[in-house]
N, C-alpha and C. Protein backbone atom coordinates (compact mmCIF):
# COMPACT_ATOMS: atom_id res chain seq x y z
N MET A 1 -4.43 -11.63 25.43
CA MET A 1 -4.46 -10.18 25.30
C MET A 1 -5.75 -9.66 25.93
N SER A 2 -5.63 -8.67 26.80
CA SER A 2 -6.81 -8.12 27.46
C SER A 2 -7.63 -7.30 26.47
N ASP A 3 -8.87 -7.05 26.86
CA ASP A 3 -9.76 -6.27 26.01
C ASP A 3 -9.22 -4.86 25.80
N LEU A 4 -8.67 -4.25 26.87
CA LEU A 4 -8.11 -2.91 26.74
C LEU A 4 -6.93 -2.90 25.78
N THR A 5 -6.05 -3.87 25.90
CA THR A 5 -4.88 -3.95 25.00
C THR A 5 -5.33 -4.16 23.56
N ARG A 6 -6.33 -4.98 23.36
CA ARG A 6 -6.85 -5.22 22.01
C ARG A 6 -7.43 -3.94 21.42
N ARG A 7 -8.19 -3.20 22.23
CA ARG A 7 -8.78 -1.96 21.76
C ARG A 7 -7.71 -0.91 21.48
N ILE A 8 -6.69 -0.83 22.33
CA ILE A 8 -5.60 0.12 22.10
C ILE A 8 -4.88 -0.22 20.81
N THR A 9 -4.59 -1.49 20.60
CA THR A 9 -3.91 -1.93 19.38
C THR A 9 -4.74 -1.59 18.14
N ALA A 10 -6.05 -1.82 18.21
CA ALA A 10 -6.92 -1.53 17.07
C ALA A 10 -6.96 -0.03 16.77
N MET A 11 -7.07 0.81 17.80
CA MET A 11 -7.10 2.26 17.58
C MET A 11 -5.77 2.75 17.01
N HIS A 12 -4.68 2.23 17.54
CA HIS A 12 -3.36 2.63 17.07
C HIS A 12 -3.17 2.23 15.61
N ARG A 13 -3.55 1.01 15.28
CA ARG A 13 -3.42 0.54 13.89
C ARG A 13 -4.25 1.41 12.94
N ARG A 14 -5.47 1.76 13.36
CA ARG A 14 -6.35 2.59 12.54
C ARG A 14 -5.72 3.98 12.33
N ASP A 15 -5.14 4.55 13.37
CA ASP A 15 -4.50 5.86 13.24
C ASP A 15 -3.29 5.81 12.31
N ILE A 16 -2.54 4.72 12.36
CA ILE A 16 -1.39 4.57 11.46
C ILE A 16 -1.87 4.52 10.01
N ILE A 17 -2.92 3.76 9.75
CA ILE A 17 -3.46 3.66 8.39
C ILE A 17 -3.94 5.01 7.89
N VAL A 18 -4.65 5.74 8.73
CA VAL A 18 -5.17 7.06 8.33
C VAL A 18 -4.01 8.04 8.08
N ALA A 19 -3.00 8.01 8.94
CA ALA A 19 -1.85 8.91 8.76
C ALA A 19 -1.14 8.62 7.45
N TRP A 20 -0.91 7.35 7.15
CA TRP A 20 -0.25 7.01 5.89
C TRP A 20 -1.13 7.35 4.68
N ALA A 21 -2.45 7.22 4.84
CA ALA A 21 -3.36 7.61 3.76
C ALA A 21 -3.24 9.10 3.48
N PHE A 22 -3.12 9.91 4.54
CA PHE A 22 -2.91 11.35 4.35
C PHE A 22 -1.59 11.63 3.64
N VAL A 23 -0.53 10.92 4.01
CA VAL A 23 0.78 11.12 3.36
C VAL A 23 0.69 10.77 1.88
N VAL A 24 0.12 9.62 1.57
CA VAL A 24 -0.01 9.20 0.17
C VAL A 24 -0.89 10.19 -0.59
N GLY A 25 -2.00 10.61 0.02
CA GLY A 25 -2.89 11.58 -0.63
C GLY A 25 -2.19 12.91 -0.89
N LEU A 26 -1.39 13.36 0.06
CA LEU A 26 -0.65 14.61 -0.12
C LEU A 26 0.34 14.48 -1.28
N TRP A 27 1.07 13.36 -1.32
CA TRP A 27 2.02 13.16 -2.41
C TRP A 27 1.31 13.16 -3.76
N PHE A 28 0.20 12.43 -3.85
CA PHE A 28 -0.55 12.40 -5.11
C PHE A 28 -1.05 13.79 -5.48
N ALA A 29 -1.56 14.53 -4.50
CA ALA A 29 -2.10 15.87 -4.78
C ALA A 29 -1.01 16.82 -5.27
N ILE A 30 0.13 16.82 -4.59
CA ILE A 30 1.22 17.72 -5.00
C ILE A 30 1.74 17.36 -6.39
N ILE A 31 1.92 16.07 -6.63
CA ILE A 31 2.40 15.63 -7.94
C ILE A 31 1.38 15.97 -9.02
N PHE A 32 0.09 15.75 -8.75
CA PHE A 32 -0.95 16.09 -9.72
C PHE A 32 -0.94 17.58 -10.03
N VAL A 33 -0.87 18.40 -9.00
CA VAL A 33 -0.86 19.85 -9.22
C VAL A 33 0.38 20.27 -10.01
N ALA A 34 1.52 19.67 -9.71
CA ALA A 34 2.74 20.00 -10.45
C ALA A 34 2.59 19.67 -11.93
N ILE A 35 2.05 18.49 -12.20
CA ILE A 35 1.87 18.09 -13.61
C ILE A 35 0.81 18.94 -14.29
N ALA A 36 -0.30 19.20 -13.61
CA ALA A 36 -1.40 19.94 -14.22
C ALA A 36 -1.07 21.40 -14.47
N THR A 37 -0.17 21.97 -13.67
CA THR A 37 0.14 23.39 -13.83
C THR A 37 1.51 23.63 -14.46
N TRP A 38 2.18 22.58 -14.88
CA TRP A 38 3.53 22.70 -15.43
C TRP A 38 3.58 23.71 -16.58
N SER A 39 2.63 23.64 -17.47
CA SER A 39 2.65 24.54 -18.64
C SER A 39 2.26 25.97 -18.29
N LEU A 40 1.69 26.18 -17.12
CA LEU A 40 1.27 27.53 -16.72
C LEU A 40 2.41 28.36 -16.16
N ALA A 41 3.49 27.70 -15.75
CA ALA A 41 4.63 28.44 -15.19
C ALA A 41 5.25 29.30 -16.29
N PRO A 42 5.54 30.56 -16.00
CA PRO A 42 6.02 31.46 -17.04
C PRO A 42 7.44 31.19 -17.52
N SER A 43 8.25 30.49 -16.71
CA SER A 43 9.63 30.24 -17.12
C SER A 43 10.14 28.99 -16.44
N SER A 44 11.30 28.53 -16.89
CA SER A 44 11.90 27.35 -16.26
C SER A 44 12.35 27.67 -14.82
N THR A 45 12.72 28.91 -14.58
CA THR A 45 13.09 29.31 -13.21
C THR A 45 11.88 29.20 -12.28
N ALA A 46 10.73 29.64 -12.76
CA ALA A 46 9.51 29.54 -11.95
C ALA A 46 9.17 28.08 -11.68
N ARG A 47 9.37 27.22 -12.68
CA ARG A 47 9.11 25.79 -12.49
C ARG A 47 10.02 25.20 -11.42
N ILE A 48 11.27 25.58 -11.46
CA ILE A 48 12.23 25.07 -10.47
C ILE A 48 11.85 25.54 -9.07
N VAL A 49 11.49 26.81 -8.96
CA VAL A 49 11.08 27.35 -7.65
C VAL A 49 9.84 26.61 -7.14
N LEU A 50 8.87 26.39 -8.02
CA LEU A 50 7.66 25.67 -7.63
C LEU A 50 7.95 24.22 -7.26
N LEU A 51 8.84 23.57 -7.98
CA LEU A 51 9.22 22.19 -7.64
C LEU A 51 9.92 22.12 -6.29
N ILE A 52 10.79 23.07 -6.04
CA ILE A 52 11.49 23.10 -4.75
C ILE A 52 10.48 23.35 -3.62
N GLY A 53 9.57 24.29 -3.83
CA GLY A 53 8.55 24.57 -2.81
C GLY A 53 7.68 23.35 -2.54
N GLY A 54 7.23 22.69 -3.59
CA GLY A 54 6.42 21.48 -3.42
C GLY A 54 7.19 20.38 -2.73
N SER A 55 8.47 20.24 -3.06
CA SER A 55 9.31 19.23 -2.42
C SER A 55 9.48 19.51 -0.93
N VAL A 56 9.65 20.76 -0.58
CA VAL A 56 9.80 21.13 0.83
C VAL A 56 8.51 20.83 1.60
N VAL A 57 7.37 21.15 0.99
CA VAL A 57 6.09 20.84 1.63
C VAL A 57 5.96 19.33 1.85
N LEU A 58 6.29 18.54 0.83
CA LEU A 58 6.22 17.08 0.97
C LEU A 58 7.17 16.57 2.03
N LEU A 59 8.38 17.07 2.03
CA LEU A 59 9.39 16.62 2.98
C LEU A 59 8.97 16.92 4.42
N PHE A 60 8.60 18.17 4.68
CA PHE A 60 8.26 18.56 6.05
C PHE A 60 6.97 17.90 6.54
N ASN A 61 5.96 17.79 5.68
CA ASN A 61 4.72 17.15 6.10
C ASN A 61 4.91 15.66 6.35
N THR A 62 5.68 15.00 5.50
CA THR A 62 5.96 13.59 5.70
C THR A 62 6.75 13.38 6.98
N ALA A 63 7.75 14.21 7.21
CA ALA A 63 8.55 14.10 8.43
C ALA A 63 7.69 14.36 9.67
N ALA A 64 6.79 15.31 9.60
CA ALA A 64 5.93 15.62 10.74
C ALA A 64 5.01 14.44 11.06
N ILE A 65 4.46 13.81 10.05
CA ILE A 65 3.57 12.68 10.29
C ILE A 65 4.36 11.49 10.82
N LEU A 66 5.57 11.27 10.32
CA LEU A 66 6.41 10.20 10.86
C LEU A 66 6.75 10.46 12.33
N ALA A 67 7.04 11.70 12.68
CA ALA A 67 7.31 12.05 14.08
C ALA A 67 6.06 11.84 14.94
N MET A 68 4.91 12.20 14.41
CA MET A 68 3.66 11.99 15.15
C MET A 68 3.43 10.50 15.40
N LEU A 69 3.66 9.67 14.38
CA LEU A 69 3.48 8.23 14.54
C LEU A 69 4.47 7.65 15.55
N ARG A 70 5.69 8.14 15.56
CA ARG A 70 6.68 7.70 16.54
C ARG A 70 6.22 8.05 17.95
N HIS A 71 5.71 9.26 18.11
CA HIS A 71 5.22 9.70 19.41
C HIS A 71 4.02 8.84 19.84
N TYR A 72 3.11 8.57 18.92
CA TYR A 72 1.96 7.72 19.23
C TYR A 72 2.42 6.34 19.69
N ARG A 73 3.45 5.80 19.03
CA ARG A 73 3.95 4.47 19.40
C ARG A 73 4.57 4.49 20.79
N GLU A 74 5.29 5.56 21.13
CA GLU A 74 5.95 5.65 22.43
C GLU A 74 4.95 5.79 23.58
N ASP A 75 3.90 6.59 23.38
CA ASP A 75 2.93 6.87 24.44
C ASP A 75 1.57 6.22 24.17
N ARG A 76 1.57 5.17 23.38
CA ARG A 76 0.34 4.56 22.90
C ARG A 76 -0.58 4.12 24.04
N ASP A 77 -0.05 3.41 25.01
CA ASP A 77 -0.91 2.89 26.08
C ASP A 77 -1.57 4.02 26.87
N PHE A 78 -0.82 5.08 27.16
CA PHE A 78 -1.38 6.20 27.92
C PHE A 78 -2.43 6.94 27.09
N MET A 79 -2.06 7.34 25.86
CA MET A 79 -2.97 8.16 25.05
C MET A 79 -4.25 7.41 24.70
N TYR A 80 -4.10 6.22 24.17
CA TYR A 80 -5.29 5.48 23.75
C TYR A 80 -6.07 4.96 24.94
N GLY A 81 -5.38 4.62 26.03
CA GLY A 81 -6.08 4.20 27.24
C GLY A 81 -6.97 5.31 27.76
N LEU A 82 -6.45 6.54 27.74
CA LEU A 82 -7.24 7.70 28.16
C LEU A 82 -8.43 7.92 27.23
N ASP A 83 -8.20 7.82 25.93
CA ASP A 83 -9.30 7.96 24.96
C ASP A 83 -10.39 6.92 25.22
N ILE A 84 -9.98 5.69 25.43
CA ILE A 84 -10.95 4.61 25.65
C ILE A 84 -11.72 4.85 26.94
N LYS A 85 -11.04 5.32 27.96
CA LYS A 85 -11.71 5.62 29.23
C LYS A 85 -12.82 6.65 29.03
N PHE A 86 -12.51 7.74 28.31
CA PHE A 86 -13.51 8.77 28.08
C PHE A 86 -14.61 8.31 27.12
N LEU A 87 -14.26 7.51 26.11
CA LEU A 87 -15.28 6.97 25.21
C LEU A 87 -16.25 6.07 25.97
N ASP A 88 -15.72 5.22 26.82
CA ASP A 88 -16.58 4.33 27.62
C ASP A 88 -17.46 5.13 28.57
N ALA A 89 -16.92 6.18 29.16
CA ALA A 89 -17.71 7.03 30.06
C ALA A 89 -18.83 7.74 29.28
N ALA A 90 -18.52 8.22 28.09
CA ALA A 90 -19.54 8.90 27.28
C ALA A 90 -20.63 7.93 26.85
N ARG A 91 -20.25 6.71 26.48
CA ARG A 91 -21.26 5.69 26.11
C ARG A 91 -22.14 5.34 27.30
N ALA A 92 -21.54 5.21 28.46
CA ALA A 92 -22.31 4.88 29.66
C ALA A 92 -23.28 6.00 29.99
N LYS A 93 -22.85 7.24 29.80
CA LYS A 93 -23.72 8.39 30.07
C LYS A 93 -24.88 8.42 29.09
N GLN A 94 -24.63 8.11 27.81
CA GLN A 94 -25.70 8.07 26.81
C GLN A 94 -26.74 7.01 27.14
N ARG A 95 -26.27 5.90 27.65
CA ARG A 95 -27.19 4.80 27.99
C ARG A 95 -27.92 5.07 29.30
N GLY A 96 -27.43 6.05 30.04
CA GLY A 96 -28.06 6.37 31.31
C GLY A 96 -27.61 5.48 32.45
N VAL A 97 -26.43 4.92 32.30
CA VAL A 97 -25.91 4.02 33.34
C VAL A 97 -25.18 4.79 34.40
């Protein structure tokens, strides 16, 4: 495996981990808020509306992150290769090379 391929794989893996961490964090946050504010809802209808709203937020955000990860996987070599090229250029400029 070439150095560029190894670096692309490492960056891609790191982005996948961060994206999934955001998904898990969002789920925990929404569930926590639902539980913490359950007694504050004025009626069962309000609770149902809030649960549906929270579910829609979870569904769409999870789907969006999954779509983003699919796109990253499809164009991984181009996107990360470009990032690495600019990162290397910036490092070389800092060093004065």
